[in-house]
Amino acid sequence: MMARRRKRRVVGAGNHERWMVSYADFVTLLFAFFVVMYSISQVNEGKYKTLSDSLGEAFSNKEQQSQALVPIQIGALPTTIQPIPLETPNTAEAEERRELSEEILKERRQLSQVSDQLGQVLTPFIDDKLVSVKKNDYWIELEMNSELLFLSGEAELSKKAIPVLKKIAEVINPLPNMVNIEGHTDNVPIENIKFRSNWDLSSARATSVVHEFVKEGINPLRLSAIGYGEFHPIDDNKVEAGRFNNRRVVLVLMSQAFARYGANDEERAKLLNLAPTATAVDQP
């Protein structure tokens, strides 16, 4: 009997391209790795600049602090502050300034006393609102309503004005101060044989008061008459009450430091503690 032959299993040929799968996986992983590395390597310029500035400032402050905290060398003399030399005023000049200041204060006190005296002797007229007294450090202003002194449209003093002006003269006569007499009117036009305008009327009224003061013994060198017309009102000219207040004569008792003829330039500068800039010329 013939022996049965064993059939051989034919093994198929192997897949020689399987290695490409592994290689592809490796390349993919490698590509992913480089992508991650590339993304990590990108620098944020804004954050980098902020970090750089912060580090620079920190190191700079550290250097300044180290310079500021330099220890004092042993044995070195401490720095001394030299006093600033001040000009020592001349004793005579200081004394002169002190005397001049005292003169100004003395005159202020004197003007204050005169203001109080005028207020006392003219109390009835002040109560009737015909007279007012205003006090300042450098002058006294005595305001008298024209009704107290003149008739309407006239420049001659009325009879009732003489006693009033006499009382005023008794108070201001002992003083050396200059006296300005200012005439004021309302804005109602006036034009007649005597007066062409309110300028003439206000000037004539101021002059009448000046003449009366001269009769009472006040030195004419101290007196001046000024006419302002209607151009310096103190109230509303549209109503009768305002026009009544604007018709007035104002007596201004001036400080010697400010009066035009009361002192020459040099004396005025001394009264004000000022050095004259040019050679003083005596006033007439």
C-alpha atoms as a PDB file:
ATOM      1  CA  MET A   1       0.000   0.000   0.000  1.00  0.00           C
ATOM      2  CA  MET A   2       1.393   3.094  -0.894  1.00  0.00           C
ATOM      3  CA  ALA A   3       2.089   5.475   1.957  1.00  0.00           C
ATOM      4  CA  ARG A   4      -0.193   8.525   2.081  1.00  0.00           C
ATOM      5  CA  ARG A   5       1.718  11.631   1.288  1.00  0.00           C
ATOM      6  CA  ARG A   6       1.288  14.544   3.790  1.00  0.00           C
ATOM      7  CA  LYS A   7       0.316  17.624   2.009  1.00  0.00           C
ATOM      8  CA  ARG A   8       2.526  20.625   2.750  1.00  0.00           C
ATOM      9  CA  ARG A   9       0.738  23.871   3.684  1.00  0.00           C
ATOM     10  CA  VAL A  10       1.890  26.515   1.415  1.00  0.00           C
ATOM     11  CA  VAL A  11       2.621  29.595   3.457  1.00  0.00           C
ATOM     12  CA  GLY A  12       1.769  32.750   1.626  1.00  0.00           C
ATOM     13  CA  ALA A  13       4.381  35.325   1.005  1.00  0.00           C
ATOM     14  CA  GLY A  14       4.688  37.972   3.945  1.00  0.00           C
ATOM     15  CA  ASN A  15       3.597  41.705   3.680  1.00  0.00           C
ATOM     16  CA  HIS A  16       6.862  43.478   3.323  1.00  0.00           C
ATOM     17  CA  GLU A  17       5.282  47.046   3.577  1.00  0.00           C
ATOM     18  CA  ARG A  18       4.096  46.881   7.180  1.00  0.00           C
ATOM     19  CA  TRP A  19       7.117  48.852   8.286  1.00  0.00           C
ATOM     20  CA  MET A  20       5.706  51.911   6.528  1.00  0.00           C
ATOM     21  CA  VAL A  21       2.848  52.064   9.058  1.00  0.00           C
ATOM     22  CA  SER A  22       5.247  52.268  11.945  1.00  0.00           C
ATOM     23  CA  TYR A  23       7.380  54.790  10.097  1.00  0.00           C
ATOM     24  CA  ALA A  24       4.371  56.958   9.359  1.00  0.00           C
ATOM     25  CA  ASP A  25       3.358  56.885  13.013  1.00  0.00           C
ATOM     26  CA  PHE A  26       6.873  57.876  14.002  1.00  0.00           C
ATOM     27  CA  VAL A  27       6.975  60.757  11.514  1.00  0.00           C
ATOM     28  CA  THR A  28       3.580  61.981  12.736  1.00  0.00           C
ATOM     29  CA  LEU A  29       4.742  61.951  16.348  1.00  0.00           C
ATOM     30  CA  LEU A  30       7.952  63.681  15.384  1.00  0.00           C
ATOM     31  CA  PHE A  31       6.020  66.384  13.489  1.00  0.00           C
ATOM     32  CA  ALA A  32       3.750  66.923  16.481  1.00  0.00           C
ATOM     33  CA  PHE A  33       6.799  67.209  18.724  1.00  0.00           C
ATOM     34  CA  PHE A  34       8.392  69.899  16.558  1.00  0.00           C
ATOM     35  CA  VAL A  35       5.102  71.811  16.358  1.00  0.00           C
ATOM     36  CA  VAL A  36       4.876  71.858  20.148  1.00  0.00           C
ATOM     37  CA  MET A  37       8.516  72.900  20.449  1.00  0.00           C
ATOM     38  CA  TYR A  38       8.016  75.666  17.883  1.00  0.00           C
ATOM     39  CA  SER A  39       4.938  77.015  19.647  1.00  0.00           C
ATOM     40  CA  ILE A  40       6.782  77.045  22.975  1.00  0.00           C
ATOM     41  CA  SER A  41       9.708  78.909  21.435  1.00  0.00           C
ATOM     42  CA  GLN A  42       7.488  81.880  20.270  1.00  0.00           C
ATOM     43  CA  VAL A  43       8.192  84.959  22.508  1.00  0.00           C
ATOM     44  CA  ASN A  44       5.441  87.407  23.568  1.00  0.00           C
ATOM     45  CA  GLU A  45       7.134  90.703  22.796  1.00  0.00           C
ATOM     46  CA  GLY A  46       4.819  92.734  25.084  1.00  0.00           C
ATOM     47  CA  LYS A  47       5.410  90.512  28.095  1.00  0.00           C
ATOM     48  CA  TYR A  48       9.103  90.354  27.305  1.00  0.00           C
ATOM     49  CA  LYS A  49       9.372  94.183  27.188  1.00  0.00           C
ATOM     50  CA  THR A  50       7.441  94.525  30.461  1.00  0.00           C
ATOM     51  CA  LEU A  51       9.693  91.974  32.124  1.00  0.00           C
ATOM     52  CA  SER A  52      12.795  93.668  30.715  1.00  0.00           C
ATOM     53  CA  ASP A  53      11.719  97.140  31.931  1.00  0.00           C
ATOM     54  CA  SER A  54      10.862  95.802  35.376  1.00  0.00           C
ATOM     55  CA  LEU A  55      14.232  94.119  35.713  1.00  0.00           C
ATOM     56  CA  GLY A  56      16.020  97.227  34.462  1.00  0.00           C
ATOM     57  CA  GLU A  57      14.191  99.484  36.911  1.00  0.00           C
ATOM     58  CA  ALA A  58      14.821  97.131  39.797  1.00  0.00           C
ATOM     59  CA  PHE A  59      18.540  96.938  39.082  1.00  0.00           C
ATOM     60  CA  SER A  60      18.712 100.714  38.524  1.00  0.00           C
ATOM     61  CA  ASN A  61      17.076 101.472  41.902  1.00  0.00           C
ATOM     62  CA  LYS A  62      19.381  99.022  43.506  1.00  0.00           C
ATOM     63  CA  GLU A  63      22.395 100.825  42.071  1.00  0.00           C
ATOM     64  CA  GLN A  64      21.065 104.230  43.185  1.00  0.00           C
ATOM     65  CA  GLN A  65      20.386 102.929  46.672  1.00  0.00           C
ATOM     66  CA  SER A  66      23.823 101.482  46.846  1.00  0.00           C
ATOM     67  CA  GLN A  67      25.268 104.846  45.785  1.00  0.00           C
ATOM     68  CA  ALA A  68      23.081 106.753  48.249  1.00  0.00           C
ATOM     69  CA  LEU A  69      24.062 104.499  51.101  1.00  0.00           C
ATOM     70  CA  VAL A  70      27.782 105.034  50.742  1.00  0.00           C
ATOM     71  CA  PRO A  71      29.136 104.870  54.271  1.00  0.00           C
ATOM     72  CA  ILE A  72      30.899 107.902  55.683  1.00  0.00           C
ATOM     73  CA  GLN A  73      34.607 107.429  55.698  1.00  0.00           C
ATOM     74  CA  ILE A  74      36.003 107.168  59.168  1.00  0.00           C
ATOM     75  CA  GLY A  75      37.868 110.295  60.106  1.00  0.00           C
ATOM     76  CA  ALA A  76      36.189 112.513  57.462  1.00  0.00           C
ATOM     77  CA  LEU A  77      34.961 115.868  58.763  1.00  0.00           C
ATOM     78  CA  PRO A  78      31.177 116.375  58.591  1.00  0.00           C
ATOM     79  CA  THR A  79      29.918 118.958  56.106  1.00  0.00           C
ATOM     80  CA  THR A  80      29.053 122.278  57.780  1.00  0.00           C
ATOM     81  CA  ILE A  81      26.331 124.615  56.517  1.00  0.00           C
ATOM     82  CA  GLN A  82      27.710 128.067  55.967  1.00  0.00           C
ATOM     83  CA  PRO A  83      25.297 130.832  57.098  1.00  0.00           C
ATOM     84  CA  ILE A  84      24.179 133.321  54.454  1.00  0.00           C
ATOM     85  CA  PRO A  85      25.548 136.749  55.335  1.00  0.00           C
ATOM     86  CA  LEU A  86      22.756 139.303  55.724  1.00  0.00           C
ATOM     87  CA  GLU A  87      23.164 143.002  55.272  1.00  0.00           C
ATOM     88  CA  THR A  88      23.157 144.720  58.612  1.00  0.00           C
ATOM     89  CA  PRO A  89      21.139 147.916  58.334  1.00  0.00           C
ATOM     90  CA  ASN A  90      22.818 151.062  59.412  1.00  0.00           C
ATOM     91  CA  THR A  91      21.762 152.027  62.903  1.00  0.00           C
ATOM     92  CA  ALA A  92      20.982 155.579  61.844  1.00  0.00           C
ATOM     93  CA  GLU A  93      18.861 154.405  58.886  1.00  0.00           C
ATOM     94  CA  ALA A  94      16.933 151.953  61.058  1.00  0.00           C
ATOM     95  CA  GLU A  95      16.283 154.672  63.601  1.00  0.00           C
ATOM     96  CA  GLU A  96      15.125 157.057  60.885  1.00  0.00           C
ATOM     97  CA  ARG A  97      12.730 154.454  59.451  1.00  0.00           C
ATOM     98  CA  ARG A  98      11.373 153.810  62.908  1.00  0.00           C
ATOM     99  CA  GLU A  99      10.764 157.525  63.436  1.00  0.00           C
ATOM    100  CA  LEU A 100       9.047 157.852  60.048  1.00  0.00           C
ATOM    101  CA  SER A 101       6.811 154.875  60.762  1.00  0.00           C
ATOM    102  CA  GLU A 102       5.907 156.426  64.080  1.00  0.00           C
ATOM    103  CA  GLU A 103       5.061 159.682  62.291  1.00  0.00           C
ATOM    104  CA  ILE A 104       2.675 157.879  59.934  1.00  0.00           C
ATOM    105  CA  LEU A 105       1.035 156.030  62.830  1.00  0.00           C
ATOM    106  CA  LYS A 106       0.773 159.286  64.741  1.00  0.00           C
ATOM    107  CA  GLU A 107      -0.972 160.971  61.811  1.00  0.00           C
ATOM    108  CA  ARG A 108      -3.374 158.033  61.454  1.00  0.00           C
ATOM    109  CA  ARG A 109      -4.309 158.322  65.116  1.00  0.00           C
ATOM    110  CA  GLN A 110      -4.763 162.061  64.680  1.00  0.00           C
ATOM    111  CA  LEU A 111      -7.037 161.594  61.650  1.00  0.00           C
ATOM    112  CA  SER A 112      -9.070 159.059  63.607  1.00  0.00           C
ATOM    113  CA  GLN A 113      -9.524 161.550  66.455  1.00  0.00           C
ATOM    114  CA  VAL A 114     -10.573 164.289  64.035  1.00  0.00           C
ATOM    115  CA  SER A 115     -13.108 161.930  62.458  1.00  0.00           C
ATOM    116  CA  ASP A 116     -14.623 161.250  65.878  1.00  0.00           C
ATOM    117  CA  GLN A 117     -14.726 164.979  66.657  1.00  0.00           C
ATOM    118  CA  LEU A 118     -16.506 165.773  63.399  1.00  0.00           C
ATOM    119  CA  GLY A 119     -19.011 163.022  64.129  1.00  0.00           C
ATOM    120  CA  GLN A 120     -19.742 164.562  67.540  1.00  0.00           C
ATOM    121  CA  VAL A 121     -20.188 168.205  66.468  1.00  0.00           C
ATOM    122  CA  LEU A 122     -22.309 167.230  63.437  1.00  0.00           C
ATOM    123  CA  THR A 123     -24.469 164.598  65.122  1.00  0.00           C
ATOM    124  CA  PRO A 124     -27.827 166.353  64.481  1.00  0.00           C
ATOM    125  CA  PHE A 125     -27.088 166.672  60.763  1.00  0.00           C
ATOM    126  CA  ILE A 126     -25.829 163.088  60.582  1.00  0.00           C
ATOM    127  CA  ASP A 127     -29.090 161.926  62.155  1.00  0.00           C
ATOM    128  CA  ASP A 128     -31.018 163.887  59.503  1.00  0.00           C
ATOM    129  CA  LYS A 129     -28.910 162.187  56.787  1.00  0.00           C
ATOM    130  CA  LEU A 130     -27.585 165.542  55.584  1.00  0.00           C
ATOM    131  CA  VAL A 131     -23.983 164.818  56.618  1.00  0.00           C
ATOM    132  CA  SER A 132     -21.848 161.667  56.683  1.00  0.00           C
ATOM    133  CA  VAL A 133     -18.294 161.107  57.891  1.00  0.00           C
ATOM    134  CA  LYS A 134     -16.107 158.381  56.348  1.00  0.00           C
ATOM    135  CA  LYS A 135     -12.715 157.524  57.825  1.00  0.00           C
ATOM    136  CA  ASN A 136      -9.677 156.084  56.056  1.00  0.00           C
ATOM    137  CA  ASP A 137      -6.056 155.576  57.098  1.00  0.00           C
ATOM    138  CA  TYR A 138      -4.964 158.381  54.745  1.00  0.00           C
ATOM    139  CA  TRP A 139      -7.933 160.764  54.608  1.00  0.00           C
ATOM    140  CA  ILE A 140     -11.257 161.785  56.118  1.00  0.00           C
ATOM    141  CA  GLU A 141     -14.248 162.324  53.862  1.00  0.00           C
ATOM    142  CA  LEU A 142     -16.970 164.652  55.120  1.00  0.00           C
ATOM    143  CA  GLU A 143     -19.975 164.630  52.818  1.00  0.00           C
ATOM    144  CA  MET A 144     -22.571 167.447  53.080  1.00  0.00           C
ATOM    145  CA  ASN A 145     -25.801 167.529  51.113  1.00  0.00           C
ATOM    146  CA  SER A 146     -26.252 170.668  49.028  1.00  0.00           C
ATOM    147  CA  GLU A 147     -29.609 171.318  50.673  1.00  0.00           C
ATOM    148  CA  LEU A 148     -27.727 172.005  53.890  1.00  0.00           C
ATOM    149  CA  LEU A 149     -25.535 174.632  52.245  1.00  0.00           C
ATOM    150  CA  PHE A 150     -27.268 176.167  49.205  1.00  0.00           C
ATOM    151  CA  LEU A 151     -30.599 177.079  47.727  1.00  0.00           C
ATOM    152  CA  SER A 152     -31.614 175.243  44.566  1.00  0.00           C
ATOM    153  CA  GLY A 153     -29.510 176.268  41.568  1.00  0.00           C
ATOM    154  CA  GLU A 154     -27.487 178.761  43.656  1.00  0.00           C
ATOM    155  CA  ALA A 155     -23.799 178.872  44.636  1.00  0.00           C
ATOM    156  CA  GLU A 156     -24.060 181.359  47.501  1.00  0.00           C
ATOM    157  CA  LEU A 157     -24.079 179.823  50.958  1.00  0.00           C
ATOM    158  CA  SER A 158     -27.389 179.900  52.772  1.00  0.00           C
ATOM    159  CA  LYS A 159     -27.668 181.361  56.267  1.00  0.00           C
ATOM    160  CA  LYS A 160     -28.012 177.943  57.885  1.00  0.00           C
ATOM    161  CA  ALA A 161     -24.760 176.805  56.250  1.00  0.00           C
ATOM    162  CA  ILE A 162     -22.524 179.305  58.096  1.00  0.00           C
ATOM    163  CA  PRO A 163     -22.833 177.733  61.605  1.00  0.00           C
ATOM    164  CA  VAL A 164     -22.190 174.275  60.176  1.00  0.00           C
ATOM    165  CA  LEU A 165     -19.031 175.302  58.338  1.00  0.00           C
ATOM    166  CA  LYS A 166     -17.855 177.207  61.403  1.00  0.00           C
ATOM    167  CA  LYS A 167     -18.038 174.040  63.528  1.00  0.00           C
ATOM    168  CA  ILE A 168     -16.094 172.134  60.881  1.00  0.00           C
ATOM    169  CA  ALA A 169     -13.446 174.860  60.693  1.00  0.00           C
ATOM    170  CA  GLU A 170     -12.928 174.764  64.469  1.00  0.00           C
ATOM    171  CA  VAL A 171     -12.057 171.061  64.247  1.00  0.00           C
ATOM    172  CA  ILE A 172      -9.743 171.113  61.213  1.00  0.00           C
ATOM    173  CA  ASN A 173      -8.086 174.517  61.728  1.00  0.00           C
ATOM    174  CA  PRO A 174      -5.367 173.280  64.177  1.00  0.00           C
ATOM    175  CA  LEU A 175      -4.213 170.620  61.693  1.00  0.00           C
ATOM    176  CA  PRO A 176      -1.575 171.092  58.977  1.00  0.00           C
ATOM    177  CA  ASN A 177      -3.316 168.725  56.520  1.00  0.00           C
ATOM    178  CA  MET A 178      -4.500 169.769  53.076  1.00  0.00           C
ATOM    179  CA  VAL A 179      -8.258 170.176  52.578  1.00  0.00           C
ATOM    180  CA  ASN A 180      -9.926 169.474  49.206  1.00  0.00           C
ATOM    181  CA  ILE A 181     -13.449 170.823  48.681  1.00  0.00           C
ATOM    182  CA  GLU A 182     -15.308 168.897  45.949  1.00  0.00           C
ATOM    183  CA  GLY A 183     -18.562 170.080  44.406  1.00  0.00           C
ATOM    184  CA  HIS A 184     -21.048 167.600  42.863  1.00  0.00           C
ATOM    185  CA  THR A 185     -24.428 167.999  41.140  1.00  0.00           C
ATOM    186  CA  ASP A 186     -27.153 165.791  39.703  1.00  0.00           C
ATOM    187  CA  ASN A 187     -27.511 165.269  35.957  1.00  0.00           C
ATOM    188  CA  VAL A 188     -30.264 167.827  35.408  1.00  0.00           C
ATOM    189  CA  PRO A 189     -28.791 170.352  32.929  1.00  0.00           C
ATOM    190  CA  ILE A 190     -28.417 173.963  34.018  1.00  0.00           C
ATOM    191  CA  GLU A 191     -27.795 176.886  31.723  1.00  0.00           C
ATOM    192  CA  ASN A 192     -28.390 180.482  32.745  1.00  0.00           C
ATOM    193  CA  ILE A 193     -26.603 183.789  33.021  1.00  0.00           C
ATOM    194  CA  LYS A 194     -24.611 182.644  36.073  1.00  0.00           C
ATOM    195  CA  PHE A 195     -23.739 179.078  35.103  1.00  0.00           C
ATOM    196  CA  ARG A 196     -23.237 177.569  31.674  1.00  0.00           C
ATOM    197  CA  SER A 197     -23.281 173.977  32.971  1.00  0.00           C
ATOM    198  CA  ASN A 198     -23.117 171.816  36.069  1.00  0.00           C
ATOM    199  CA  TRP A 199     -19.337 172.137  35.890  1.00  0.00           C
ATOM    200  CA  ASP A 200     -19.643 175.835  36.671  1.00  0.00           C
ATOM    201  CA  LEU A 201     -22.223 175.297  39.397  1.00  0.00           C
ATOM    202  CA  SER A 202     -20.231 172.563  41.198  1.00  0.00           C
ATOM    203  CA  SER A 203     -16.998 174.608  40.979  1.00  0.00           C
ATOM    204  CA  ALA A 204     -18.718 177.773  42.242  1.00  0.00           C
ATOM    205  CA  ARG A 205     -20.208 175.913  45.220  1.00  0.00           C
ATOM    206  CA  ALA A 206     -16.851 174.405  46.161  1.00  0.00           C
ATOM    207  CA  THR A 207     -15.266 177.868  45.888  1.00  0.00           C
ATOM    208  CA  SER A 208     -17.903 179.384  48.182  1.00  0.00           C
ATOM    209  CA  VAL A 209     -17.072 176.833  50.877  1.00  0.00           C
ATOM    210  CA  VAL A 210     -13.351 177.566  50.464  1.00  0.00           C
ATOM    211  CA  HIS A 211     -13.947 181.306  50.925  1.00  0.00           C
ATOM    212  CA  GLU A 212     -15.924 180.667  54.086  1.00  0.00           C
ATOM    213  CA  PHE A 213     -13.128 178.525  55.528  1.00  0.00           C
ATOM    214  CA  VAL A 214     -10.659 181.306  54.803  1.00  0.00           C
ATOM    215  CA  LYS A 215     -12.906 183.713  56.744  1.00  0.00           C
ATOM    216  CA  GLU A 216     -12.817 181.234  59.630  1.00  0.00           C
ATOM    217  CA  GLY A 217      -9.021 181.465  59.737  1.00  0.00           C
ATOM    218  CA  ILE A 218      -7.896 178.379  57.798  1.00  0.00           C
ATOM    219  CA  ASN A 219      -4.689 178.942  55.847  1.00  0.00           C
ATOM    220  CA  PRO A 220      -5.528 179.343  52.113  1.00  0.00           C
ATOM    221  CA  LEU A 221      -2.436 177.285  51.247  1.00  0.00           C
ATOM    222  CA  ARG A 222      -4.229 174.252  52.669  1.00  0.00           C
ATOM    223  CA  LEU A 223      -7.384 174.693  50.602  1.00  0.00           C
ATOM    224  CA  SER A 224      -8.417 173.740  47.072  1.00  0.00           C
ATOM    225  CA  ALA A 225     -11.761 173.871  45.221  1.00  0.00           C
ATOM    226  CA  ILE A 226     -12.720 171.156  42.732  1.00  0.00           C
ATOM    227  CA  GLY A 227     -15.840 170.898  40.544  1.00  0.00           C
ATOM    228  CA  TYR A 228     -16.921 167.461  39.319  1.00  0.00           C
ATOM    229  CA  GLY A 229     -20.338 168.376  37.912  1.00  0.00           C
ATOM    230  CA  GLU A 230     -22.656 165.370  37.531  1.00  0.00           C
ATOM    231  CA  PHE A 231     -19.914 162.907  36.549  1.00  0.00           C
ATOM    232  CA  HIS A 232     -19.315 161.221  39.924  1.00  0.00           C
ATOM    233  CA  PRO A 233     -22.783 160.228  41.169  1.00  0.00           C
ATOM    234  CA  ILE A 234     -23.251 158.111  44.279  1.00  0.00           C
ATOM    235  CA  ASP A 235     -26.897 157.287  43.576  1.00  0.00           C
ATOM    236  CA  ASP A 236     -29.347 156.798  40.725  1.00  0.00           C
ATOM    237  CA  ASN A 237     -30.108 160.051  38.886  1.00  0.00           C
ATOM    238  CA  LYS A 238     -33.315 158.559  37.446  1.00  0.00           C
ATOM    239  CA  VAL A 239     -35.215 159.105  40.696  1.00  0.00           C
ATOM    240  CA  GLU A 240     -35.579 162.224  42.832  1.00  0.00           C
ATOM    241  CA  ALA A 241     -34.114 160.571  45.948  1.00  0.00           C
ATOM    242  CA  GLY A 242     -31.002 159.643  43.963  1.00  0.00           C
ATOM    243  CA  ARG A 243     -30.623 163.141  42.528  1.00  0.00           C
ATOM    244  CA  PHE A 244     -30.999 164.541  46.052  1.00  0.00           C
ATOM    245  CA  ASN A 245     -28.073 162.430  47.268  1.00  0.00           C
ATOM    246  CA  ASN A 246     -25.904 163.350  44.268  1.00  0.00           C
ATOM    247  CA  ARG A 247     -26.181 167.090  44.959  1.00  0.00           C
ATOM    248  CA  ARG A 248     -23.440 167.390  47.569  1.00  0.00           C
ATOM    249  CA  VAL A 249     -20.190 169.034  48.676  1.00  0.00           C
ATOM    250  CA  VAL A 250     -17.426 166.751  49.944  1.00  0.00           C
ATOM    251  CA  LEU A 251     -14.605 167.887  52.227  1.00  0.00           C
ATOM    252  CA  VAL A 252     -11.538 165.628  52.053  1.00  0.00           C
ATOM    253  CA  LEU A 253      -8.901 166.051  54.750  1.00  0.00           C
ATOM    254  CA  MET A 254      -5.799 164.509  53.190  1.00  0.00           C
ATOM    255  CA  SER A 255      -2.834 162.766  54.775  1.00  0.00           C
ATOM    256  CA  GLN A 256       0.342 164.801  54.417  1.00  0.00           C
ATOM    257  CA  ALA A 257       1.990 161.867  52.651  1.00  0.00           C
ATOM    258  CA  PHE A 258      -0.522 162.083  49.797  1.00  0.00           C
ATOM    259  CA  ALA A 259      -1.380 165.766  49.578  1.00  0.00           C
ATOM    260  CA  ARG A 260      -0.003 167.425  46.458  1.00  0.00           C
ATOM    261  CA  TYR A 261       1.186 170.604  48.196  1.00  0.00           C
ATOM    262  CA  GLY A 262       1.523 169.227  51.712  1.00  0.00           C
ATOM    263  CA  ALA A 263       5.044 167.873  51.211  1.00  0.00           C
ATOM    264  CA  ASN A 264       7.778 167.807  48.595  1.00  0.00           C
ATOM    265  CA  ASP A 265       8.889 164.589  46.919  1.00  0.00           C
ATOM    266  CA  GLU A 266      11.638 163.897  49.439  1.00  0.00           C
ATOM    267  CA  GLU A 267       9.383 164.454  52.450  1.00  0.00           C
ATOM    268  CA  ARG A 268       6.640 162.349  50.881  1.00  0.00           C
ATOM    269  CA  ALA A 269       9.117 159.519  50.219  1.00  0.00           C
ATOM    270  CA  LYS A 270      10.227 159.643  53.837  1.00  0.00           C
ATOM    271  CA  LEU A 271       6.662 159.500  55.078  1.00  0.00           C
ATOM    272  CA  LEU A 272       6.105 156.403  52.939  1.00  0.00           C
ATOM    273  CA  ASN A 273       9.488 154.835  53.756  1.00  0.00           C
ATOM    274  CA  LEU A 274      10.525 155.096  50.107  1.00  0.00           C
ATOM    275  CA  ALA A 275      13.800 156.235  48.585  1.00  0.00           C
ATOM    276  CA  PRO A 276      13.280 159.024  45.991  1.00  0.00           C
ATOM    277  CA  THR A 277      14.371 157.990  42.496  1.00  0.00           C
ATOM    278  CA  ALA A 278      15.361 161.461  41.472  1.00  0.00           C
ATOM    279  CA  THR A 279      16.400 164.717  43.069  1.00  0.00           C
ATOM    280  CA  ALA A 280      13.394 166.124  44.854  1.00  0.00           C
ATOM    281  CA  VAL A 281      12.129 169.528  43.873  1.00  0.00           C
ATOM    282  CA  ASP A 282      10.280 171.561  46.480  1.00  0.00           C
ATOM    283  CA  GLN A 283       6.639 172.087  45.685  1.00  0.00           C
ATOM    284  CA  PRO A 284       5.357 175.645  45.748  1.00  0.00           C
END
